[in-house]
């Protein structure tokens, strides 16, 4: 699970919330891994006409976290994903990468 948010407190709350839901449903998760944050810097002129040297700078920071889900029953994972879609944490983008190992049927000789 990949999390993205603009506030560090919100993303910490969301990761704790998701780990709690996973623990209740019996899904094994790893620790929360903080990924590097991205900073965008914007420079805006204060006055539209003269005074070009008078500028104001703003920055926007994007925080990221990662939670790995380990081998669990497929039924538990489906219930977990449905619960995340039904009650997502507010202010956080969650990307789910599902990498289940699908068993292929054995061909008859």
Protein backbone atom coordinates (compact mmCIF):
# COMPACT_ATOMS: atom_id res chain seq x y z
CA UNK A 1 0.00 0.00 0.00
CA UNK A 2 1.37 3.40 -0.99
CA UNK A 3 0.14 6.50 0.86
CA UNK A 4 0.49 10.13 -0.25
CA UNK A 5 -0.60 13.24 1.66
CA UNK A 6 0.28 16.90 2.13
CA UNK A 7 0.28 16.73 5.95
CA UNK A 8 2.56 14.50 8.02
CA UNK A 9 0.07 14.12 10.88
CA UNK A 10 -2.70 13.01 8.52
CA UNK A 11 -0.55 10.38 6.84
CA UNK A 12 0.63 9.02 10.22
CA UNK A 13 -2.98 8.75 11.40
CA UNK A 14 -4.03 7.03 8.14
CA UNK A 15 -1.22 4.48 8.33
CA UNK A 16 -2.10 3.66 11.96
CA UNK A 17 -5.78 3.36 10.95
CA UNK A 18 -4.98 0.95 8.09
CA UNK A 19 -2.70 -1.16 10.30
CA UNK A 20 -5.47 -1.35 12.91
CA UNK A 21 -8.02 -2.52 10.32
CA UNK A 22 -5.52 -5.09 9.06
CA UNK A 23 -4.91 -6.40 12.59
CA UNK A 24 -8.64 -6.73 13.26
CA UNK A 25 -9.18 -8.64 10.00
CA UNK A 26 -6.15 -10.89 10.52
CA UNK A 27 -4.00 -9.52 7.69
CA UNK A 28 -0.24 -9.48 8.37
CA UNK A 29 1.41 -6.14 7.70
CA UNK A 30 4.93 -4.85 8.00
CA UNK A 31 6.03 -1.64 9.66
CA UNK A 32 5.29 1.75 8.16
CA UNK A 33 8.19 2.74 5.91
CA UNK A 34 8.64 6.50 5.40
CA UNK A 35 9.58 7.26 1.79
CA UNK A 36 11.39 10.46 0.72
CA UNK A 37 9.22 13.55 0.70
CA UNK A 38 8.97 15.80 -2.34
CA UNK A 39 9.09 19.57 -2.12
CA UNK A 40 7.81 21.91 -4.82
CA UNK A 41 8.85 25.54 -4.60
CA UNK A 42 6.74 28.27 -6.21
CA UNK A 43 7.90 31.87 -6.66
CA UNK A 44 5.25 34.55 -7.21
CA UNK A 45 5.66 38.26 -7.89
CA UNK A 46 4.10 40.39 -5.14
CA UNK A 47 3.32 43.28 -7.45
CA UNK A 48 2.15 42.83 -11.04
CA UNK A 49 3.70 46.04 -12.42
CA UNK A 50 6.98 47.30 -11.00
CA UNK A 51 9.11 45.93 -8.15
CA UNK A 52 10.30 42.78 -9.90
CA UNK A 53 12.70 42.05 -7.05
CA UNK A 54 9.86 41.81 -4.54
CA UNK A 55 8.84 38.15 -4.67
CA UNK A 56 7.16 35.67 -2.40
CA UNK A 57 7.99 31.98 -2.19
CA UNK A 58 5.66 29.12 -1.30
CA UNK A 59 6.41 25.44 -0.93
CA UNK A 60 4.25 22.35 -1.11
CA UNK A 61 5.49 19.14 0.51
CA UNK A 62 4.22 15.66 -0.38
CA UNK A 63 4.76 12.98 2.26
CA UNK A 64 4.79 9.29 1.34
CA UNK A 65 4.55 6.08 3.32
CA UNK A 66 4.63 2.38 2.42
CA UNK A 67 3.02 -0.58 4.16
CA UNK A 68 3.74 -4.10 2.93
CA UNK A 69 1.12 -6.79 3.32
CA UNK A 70 2.48 -10.29 3.73
CA UNK A 71 1.02 -13.67 2.90
CA UNK A 72 -2.58 -13.76 4.06
CA UNK A 73 -5.63 -15.68 2.94
CA UNK A 74 -7.14 -14.26 -0.27
CA UNK A 75 -10.54 -13.99 1.43
CA UNK A 76 -9.06 -11.81 4.19
CA UNK A 77 -7.34 -9.58 1.61
CA UNK A 78 -10.59 -9.13 -0.32
CA UNK A 79 -12.44 -8.11 2.85
CA UNK A 80 -9.55 -5.79 3.77
CA UNK A 81 -9.59 -4.07 0.35
CA UNK A 82 -13.38 -3.70 0.47
CA UNK A 83 -13.13 -2.15 3.93
CA UNK A 84 -10.51 0.35 2.68
CA UNK A 85 -12.74 1.32 -0.24
CA UNK A 86 -15.82 1.63 1.99
CA UNK A 87 -14.12 3.74 4.70
CA UNK A 88 -10.99 5.39 3.29
CA UNK A 89 -8.98 7.75 5.50
CA UNK A 90 -9.63 11.41 4.72
CA UNK A 91 -6.93 13.48 3.02
CA UNK A 92 -4.78 10.56 1.89
CA UNK A 93 -4.32 8.94 -1.49
CA UNK A 94 -3.92 5.17 -1.21
CA UNK A 95 -2.58 3.08 -4.09
CA UNK A 96 -2.97 -0.67 -3.81
CA UNK A 97 -0.59 -2.92 -5.70
CA UNK A 98 -1.89 -6.46 -5.45
CA UNK A 99 0.77 -9.03 -6.26
CA UNK A 100 -0.92 -12.29 -5.40
CA UNK A 101 0.56 -15.49 -6.69
CA UNK A 102 -2.09 -17.07 -8.89
CA UNK A 103 -1.91 -20.82 -9.08
CA UNK A 104 -2.09 -22.15 -12.62
CA UNK A 105 -4.00 -25.39 -13.25
CA UNK A 106 -1.79 -28.35 -14.01
CA UNK A 107 -2.14 -29.63 -17.58
CA UNK A 108 -2.92 -33.32 -18.04
CA UNK A 109 -0.13 -35.33 -19.76
